[in-house]
Amino acid sequence: MEARDNIGPTEFEALVEQSSLIVSHAGIGTVLTAARFSKPILLVPRRAGLGEHRNDHQLATVRQLAGRPGIVVAEDEAELPAAIATGLALDSGAAIQSPTARQLHEAVARFISTGKL
C-alpha cells in the first residue's frame, strides 16, 4: 500500500474513481465525494481521547451515518478486517443510492426507453 501525507483534489478524485472501497476518517467532504462517485466508504472516526482530534464530533458523525447505503463504520482498529470485507462486498452503484434515488433512476430510464411513466 502506498501512503502519502497529502494528495491534491484532482488526484484524490482520480484515486476515488479507481477504488473499490474508500477507507477514511469521518470527514463529510470525503463521504460526499464517495457518494458522488458511487463508491462505498468505510469510516473510522478520529478520537479526541487518542489525540487524533480536538473533540469527538467524528463519533457523532458516524452514529448519524451508520447503516446508510454504502457506508460502513469501524469504531476501532479491531473492527477493521470485518468492516473492510463488508465494504468490499457492497455493490458500488446500488450501495450508495437510496431506495428513493434508485426508484427515480429506474423511472427515468423506463420513460426514456418507453416514453411512458
N, C-alpha and C. Protein backbone atom coordinates (compact mmCIF):
# COMPACT_ATOMS: atom_id res chain seq x y z
N MET A 1 0.85 -1.17 0.00
CA MET A 1 0.00 0.00 0.00
C MET A 1 0.90 1.23 0.00
N GLU A 2 0.52 2.18 -0.77
CA GLU A 2 1.26 3.44 -0.82
C GLU A 2 0.60 4.43 0.14
N ALA A 3 1.42 5.14 0.89
CA ALA A 3 0.91 6.16 1.81
C ALA A 3 1.53 7.50 1.45
N ARG A 4 0.72 8.56 1.57
CA ARG A 4 1.21 9.91 1.31
C ARG A 4 0.64 10.86 2.34
N ASP A 5 1.38 11.91 2.62
CA ASP A 5 0.91 12.92 3.57
C ASP A 5 -0.18 13.80 2.96
N ASN A 6 -0.11 14.02 1.66
CA ASN A 6 -1.00 14.96 1.01
C ASN A 6 -1.32 14.51 -0.41
N ILE A 7 -2.57 14.71 -0.81
CA ILE A 7 -3.00 14.42 -2.18
C ILE A 7 -3.84 15.60 -2.64
N GLY A 8 -3.56 16.13 -3.80
CA GLY A 8 -4.33 17.25 -4.35
C GLY A 8 -5.72 16.79 -4.77
N PRO A 9 -6.65 17.73 -4.90
CA PRO A 9 -8.05 17.39 -5.20
C PRO A 9 -8.25 16.60 -6.49
N THR A 10 -7.55 16.95 -7.55
CA THR A 10 -7.72 16.25 -8.83
C THR A 10 -7.23 14.81 -8.72
N GLU A 11 -6.06 14.64 -8.12
CA GLU A 11 -5.52 13.30 -7.95
C GLU A 11 -6.39 12.48 -6.99
N PHE A 12 -6.91 13.12 -5.95
CA PHE A 12 -7.78 12.42 -5.00
C PHE A 12 -9.01 11.87 -5.72
N GLU A 13 -9.65 12.69 -6.54
CA GLU A 13 -10.83 12.24 -7.26
C GLU A 13 -10.51 11.10 -8.22
N ALA A 14 -9.34 11.17 -8.87
CA ALA A 14 -8.93 10.08 -9.77
C ALA A 14 -8.73 8.79 -8.99
N LEU A 15 -8.14 8.88 -7.80
CA LEU A 15 -7.95 7.69 -6.97
C LEU A 15 -9.28 7.14 -6.48
N VAL A 16 -10.20 8.02 -6.11
CA VAL A 16 -11.53 7.59 -5.68
C VAL A 16 -12.22 6.83 -6.82
N GLU A 17 -12.13 7.37 -8.01
CA GLU A 17 -12.78 6.75 -9.17
C GLU A 17 -12.26 5.34 -9.43
N GLN A 18 -10.98 5.10 -9.15
CA GLN A 18 -10.37 3.78 -9.36
C GLN A 18 -10.64 2.80 -8.22
N SER A 19 -11.09 3.29 -7.10
CA SER A 19 -11.18 2.49 -5.87
C SER A 19 -12.40 1.60 -5.83
N SER A 20 -12.25 0.50 -5.08
CA SER A 20 -13.37 -0.39 -4.79
C SER A 20 -14.02 -0.01 -3.46
N LEU A 21 -13.22 0.56 -2.57
CA LEU A 21 -13.68 0.95 -1.24
C LEU A 21 -12.80 2.10 -0.75
N ILE A 22 -13.42 3.13 -0.21
CA ILE A 22 -12.71 4.25 0.39
C ILE A 22 -12.64 3.99 1.90
N VAL A 23 -11.46 4.08 2.48
CA VAL A 23 -11.30 3.98 3.93
C VAL A 23 -10.85 5.35 4.40
N SER A 24 -11.61 5.95 5.31
CA SER A 24 -11.37 7.34 5.65
C SER A 24 -11.77 7.65 7.09
N HIS A 25 -11.26 8.79 7.58
CA HIS A 25 -11.80 9.33 8.82
C HIS A 25 -13.23 9.77 8.50
N ALA A 26 -13.96 10.23 9.48
CA ALA A 26 -15.36 10.59 9.28
C ALA A 26 -15.51 12.03 8.83
N GLY A 27 -14.85 12.38 7.75
CA GLY A 27 -14.94 13.73 7.18
C GLY A 27 -16.06 13.79 6.16
N ILE A 28 -16.94 14.75 6.31
CA ILE A 28 -18.11 14.86 5.43
C ILE A 28 -17.70 15.06 3.98
N GLY A 29 -16.63 15.80 3.72
CA GLY A 29 -16.18 16.01 2.35
C GLY A 29 -15.85 14.70 1.66
N THR A 30 -15.20 13.80 2.37
CA THR A 30 -14.86 12.50 1.80
C THR A 30 -16.11 11.66 1.62
N VAL A 31 -17.04 11.71 2.56
CA VAL A 31 -18.30 10.98 2.43
C VAL A 31 -19.04 11.45 1.18
N LEU A 32 -19.11 12.76 0.97
CA LEU A 32 -19.81 13.29 -0.20
C LEU A 32 -19.10 12.92 -1.50
N THR A 33 -17.77 12.91 -1.48
CA THR A 33 -17.01 12.52 -2.67
C THR A 33 -17.27 11.05 -3.00
N ALA A 34 -17.27 10.19 -2.00
CA ALA A 34 -17.56 8.77 -2.23
C ALA A 34 -18.96 8.60 -2.83
N ALA A 35 -19.92 9.33 -2.31
CA ALA A 35 -21.29 9.25 -2.84
C ALA A 35 -21.35 9.75 -4.28
N ARG A 36 -20.63 10.82 -4.57
CA ARG A 36 -20.63 11.38 -5.93
C ARG A 36 -20.09 10.39 -6.94
N PHE A 37 -19.12 9.59 -6.54
CA PHE A 37 -18.52 8.60 -7.43
C PHE A 37 -19.12 7.20 -7.22
N SER A 38 -20.20 7.10 -6.44
CA SER A 38 -20.88 5.83 -6.15
C SER A 38 -19.92 4.77 -5.63
N LYS A 39 -19.11 5.16 -4.65
CA LYS A 39 -18.15 4.24 -4.04
C LYS A 39 -18.53 3.99 -2.59
N PRO A 40 -18.48 2.75 -2.15
CA PRO A 40 -18.72 2.50 -0.73
C PRO A 40 -17.59 3.10 0.10
N ILE A 41 -17.91 3.48 1.32
CA ILE A 41 -16.91 4.11 2.18
C ILE A 41 -16.95 3.47 3.57
N LEU A 42 -15.75 3.24 4.09
CA LEU A 42 -15.58 2.73 5.46
C LEU A 42 -15.06 3.89 6.29
N LEU A 43 -15.83 4.28 7.28
CA LEU A 43 -15.47 5.41 8.14
C LEU A 43 -14.87 4.93 9.45
N VAL A 44 -13.72 5.50 9.79
CA VAL A 44 -13.05 5.22 11.06
C VAL A 44 -12.89 6.57 11.75
N PRO A 45 -13.74 6.87 12.74
CA PRO A 45 -13.70 8.21 13.34
C PRO A 45 -12.42 8.48 14.11
N ARG A 46 -11.93 9.69 13.96
CA ARG A 46 -10.81 10.15 14.79
C ARG A 46 -11.34 10.41 16.19
N ARG A 47 -10.51 10.14 17.19
CA ARG A 47 -10.95 10.27 18.59
C ARG A 47 -10.08 11.27 19.35
N ALA A 48 -10.76 12.09 20.12
CA ALA A 48 -10.06 13.08 20.95
C ALA A 48 -9.21 12.38 22.02
N GLY A 49 -9.72 11.31 22.60
CA GLY A 49 -9.01 10.61 23.66
C GLY A 49 -7.68 10.01 23.21
N LEU A 50 -7.52 9.82 21.90
CA LEU A 50 -6.27 9.29 21.35
C LEU A 50 -5.38 10.40 20.80
N GLY A 51 -5.82 11.65 21.00
CA GLY A 51 -5.05 12.79 20.50
C GLY A 51 -5.17 12.98 19.00
N GLU A 52 -6.17 12.37 18.37
CA GLU A 52 -6.34 12.46 16.92
C GLU A 52 -7.16 13.68 16.50
N HIS A 53 -7.92 14.23 17.45
CA HIS A 53 -8.77 15.39 17.15
C HIS A 53 -9.02 16.16 18.43
N ARG A 54 -9.59 17.34 18.30
CA ARG A 54 -9.80 18.19 19.48
C ARG A 54 -11.06 17.81 20.26
N ASN A 55 -12.01 17.13 19.59
CA ASN A 55 -13.22 16.65 20.27
C ASN A 55 -13.71 15.40 19.53
N ASP A 56 -14.81 14.85 19.99
CA ASP A 56 -15.30 13.61 19.39
C ASP A 56 -16.47 13.81 18.41
N HIS A 57 -16.44 14.89 17.67
CA HIS A 57 -17.52 15.13 16.71
C HIS A 57 -17.59 14.05 15.63
N GLN A 58 -16.46 13.40 15.33
CA GLN A 58 -16.50 12.35 14.31
C GLN A 58 -17.25 11.11 14.80
N LEU A 59 -17.24 10.87 16.10
CA LEU A 59 -18.06 9.78 16.65
C LEU A 59 -19.54 10.09 16.43
N ALA A 60 -19.93 11.34 16.65
CA ALA A 60 -21.31 11.74 16.41
C ALA A 60 -21.67 11.60 14.93
N THR A 61 -20.73 11.94 14.07
CA THR A 61 -20.96 11.83 12.62
C THR A 61 -21.21 10.39 12.22
N VAL A 62 -20.37 9.45 12.68
CA VAL A 62 -20.56 8.05 12.27
C VAL A 62 -21.84 7.47 12.86
N ARG A 63 -22.24 7.94 14.02
CA ARG A 63 -23.51 7.45 14.60
C ARG A 63 -24.70 7.87 13.74
N GLN A 64 -24.61 9.05 13.13
CA GLN A 64 -25.67 9.52 12.24
C GLN A 64 -25.65 8.80 10.88
N LEU A 65 -24.46 8.44 10.41
CA LEU A 65 -24.33 7.85 9.08
C LEU A 65 -24.37 6.33 9.05
N ALA A 66 -24.10 5.69 10.17
CA ALA A 66 -24.06 4.22 10.23
C ALA A 66 -25.38 3.64 9.73
N GLY A 67 -25.28 2.62 8.91
CA GLY A 67 -26.46 1.96 8.39
C GLY A 67 -27.01 2.53 7.11
N ARG A 68 -26.50 3.68 6.69
CA ARG A 68 -26.95 4.24 5.41
C ARG A 68 -26.33 3.46 4.26
N PRO A 69 -27.01 3.43 3.12
CA PRO A 69 -26.47 2.68 1.99
C PRO A 69 -25.05 3.12 1.63
N GLY A 70 -24.16 2.14 1.47
CA GLY A 70 -22.80 2.43 1.04
C GLY A 70 -21.85 2.87 2.13
N ILE A 71 -22.32 2.92 3.38
CA ILE A 71 -21.48 3.40 4.48
C ILE A 71 -21.29 2.29 5.51
N VAL A 72 -20.03 2.00 5.79
CA VAL A 72 -19.65 1.00 6.80
C VAL A 72 -18.84 1.75 7.85
N VAL A 73 -18.98 1.37 9.12
CA VAL A 73 -18.26 2.04 10.19
C VAL A 73 -17.43 1.03 10.97
N ALA A 74 -16.20 1.40 11.27
CA ALA A 74 -15.35 0.66 12.20
C ALA A 74 -14.95 1.66 13.28
N GLU A 75 -15.41 1.46 14.48
CA GLU A 75 -15.11 2.42 15.54
C GLU A 75 -13.71 2.27 16.11
N ASP A 76 -13.07 1.13 15.83
CA ASP A 76 -11.68 0.98 16.28
C ASP A 76 -10.94 0.00 15.36
N GLU A 77 -9.67 -0.12 15.60
CA GLU A 77 -8.77 -0.94 14.79
C GLU A 77 -9.20 -2.41 14.72
N ALA A 78 -9.72 -2.94 15.82
CA ALA A 78 -10.13 -4.35 15.86
C ALA A 78 -11.28 -4.65 14.90
N GLU A 79 -12.10 -3.65 14.60
CA GLU A 79 -13.25 -3.84 13.71
C GLU A 79 -12.89 -3.73 12.23
N LEU A 80 -11.66 -3.29 11.93
CA LEU A 80 -11.28 -3.04 10.53
C LEU A 80 -11.37 -4.25 9.61
N PRO A 81 -10.82 -5.41 9.93
CA PRO A 81 -10.89 -6.52 8.97
C PRO A 81 -12.31 -6.87 8.53
N ALA A 82 -13.22 -7.00 9.47
CA ALA A 82 -14.61 -7.33 9.12
C ALA A 82 -15.27 -6.19 8.35
N ALA A 83 -14.98 -4.96 8.74
CA ALA A 83 -15.59 -3.81 8.06
C ALA A 83 -15.07 -3.68 6.63
N ILE A 84 -13.79 -3.96 6.42
CA ILE A 84 -13.24 -3.92 5.06
C ILE A 84 -13.91 -4.99 4.20
N ALA A 85 -14.06 -6.19 4.73
CA ALA A 85 -14.72 -7.26 3.99
C ALA A 85 -16.16 -6.88 3.64
N THR A 86 -16.86 -6.28 4.59
CA THR A 86 -18.23 -5.83 4.35
C THR A 86 -18.27 -4.77 3.27
N GLY A 87 -17.38 -3.78 3.36
CA GLY A 87 -17.34 -2.70 2.37
C GLY A 87 -17.01 -3.19 0.98
N LEU A 88 -16.07 -4.13 0.87
CA LEU A 88 -15.69 -4.66 -0.44
C LEU A 88 -16.81 -5.50 -1.06
N ALA A 89 -17.67 -6.05 -0.22
CA ALA A 89 -18.77 -6.88 -0.71
C ALA A 89 -19.95 -6.04 -1.23
N LEU A 90 -19.96 -4.76 -0.93
CA LEU A 90 -21.06 -3.90 -1.37
C LEU A 90 -21.00 -3.69 -2.87
N ASP A 91 -22.16 -3.63 -3.50
CA ASP A 91 -22.27 -3.28 -4.91
C ASP A 91 -22.19 -1.76 -4.98
N SER A 92 -21.12 -1.25 -5.58
CA SER A 92 -20.84 0.19 -5.55
C SER A 92 -22.04 1.06 -5.89
N GLY A 93 -22.56 0.97 -7.10
CA GLY A 93 -23.64 1.86 -7.51
C GLY A 93 -24.89 1.69 -6.70
N ALA A 94 -25.30 0.45 -6.48
CA ALA A 94 -26.52 0.19 -5.74
C ALA A 94 -26.35 0.52 -4.26
N ALA A 95 -25.15 0.35 -3.74
CA ALA A 95 -24.92 0.56 -2.32
C ALA A 95 -25.08 2.02 -1.93
N ILE A 96 -24.67 2.92 -2.78
CA ILE A 96 -24.69 4.34 -2.43
C ILE A 96 -26.08 4.94 -2.62
N GLN A 97 -26.82 4.47 -3.60
CA GLN A 97 -28.12 5.06 -3.87
C GLN A 97 -29.13 4.70 -2.79
N SER A 98 -29.91 5.67 -2.42
CA SER A 98 -31.02 5.39 -1.52
C SER A 98 -32.11 4.69 -2.33
N PRO A 99 -33.03 4.00 -1.67
CA PRO A 99 -34.13 3.36 -2.41
C PRO A 99 -34.92 4.37 -3.25
N THR A 100 -35.11 5.57 -2.74
CA THR A 100 -35.85 6.59 -3.46
C THR A 100 -35.09 7.02 -4.72
N ALA A 101 -33.78 7.23 -4.59
CA ALA A 101 -32.97 7.60 -5.76
C ALA A 101 -32.99 6.49 -6.80
N ARG A 102 -32.92 5.24 -6.34
CA ARG A 102 -32.96 4.10 -7.26
C ARG A 102 -34.29 4.08 -8.02
N GLN A 103 -35.40 4.32 -7.31
CA GLN A 103 -36.72 4.35 -7.96
C GLN A 103 -36.79 5.46 -9.01
N LEU A 104 -36.25 6.62 -8.67
CA LEU A 104 -36.26 7.74 -9.61
C LEU A 104 -35.45 7.39 -10.86
N HIS A 105 -34.26 6.83 -10.67
CA HIS A 105 -33.42 6.46 -11.82
C HIS A 105 -34.11 5.42 -12.69
N GLU A 106 -34.77 4.45 -12.06
CA GLU A 106 -35.48 3.42 -12.82
C GLU A 106 -36.65 4.03 -13.60
N ALA A 107 -37.37 4.97 -12.99
CA ALA A 107 -38.50 5.62 -13.66
C ALA A 107 -38.01 6.45 -14.85
N VAL A 108 -36.91 7.16 -14.69
CA VAL A 108 -36.37 7.96 -15.79
C VAL A 108 -35.91 7.04 -16.92
N ALA A 109 -35.21 5.96 -16.58
CA ALA A 109 -34.76 5.01 -17.60
C ALA A 109 -35.95 4.39 -18.34
N ARG A 110 -36.99 4.04 -17.59
CA ARG A 110 -38.20 3.48 -18.19
C ARG A 110 -38.85 4.49 -19.14
N PHE A 111 -38.92 5.75 -18.71
CA PHE A 111 -39.50 6.80 -19.55
C PHE A 111 -38.68 6.99 -20.83
N ILE A 112 -37.38 6.99 -20.71
CA ILE A 112 -36.52 7.14 -21.90
C ILE A 112 -36.72 5.97 -22.85
N SER A 113 -36.84 4.77 -22.31
CA SER A 113 -37.00 3.57 -23.14
C SER A 113 -38.38 3.45 -23.78
N THR A 114 -39.41 3.79 -23.00
CA THR A 114 -40.78 3.53 -23.46
C THR A 114 -41.61 4.77 -23.76
N GLY A 115 -41.17 5.90 -23.22
CA GLY A 115 -41.96 7.11 -23.37
C GLY A 115 -43.13 7.19 -22.39
N LYS A 116 -43.20 6.22 -21.48
CA LYS A 116 -44.29 6.16 -20.50
C LYS A 116 -43.73 6.17 -19.08
N LEU A 117 -44.48 6.79 -18.18
CA LEU A 117 -44.10 6.74 -16.77
C LEU A 117 -44.69 5.54 -16.18
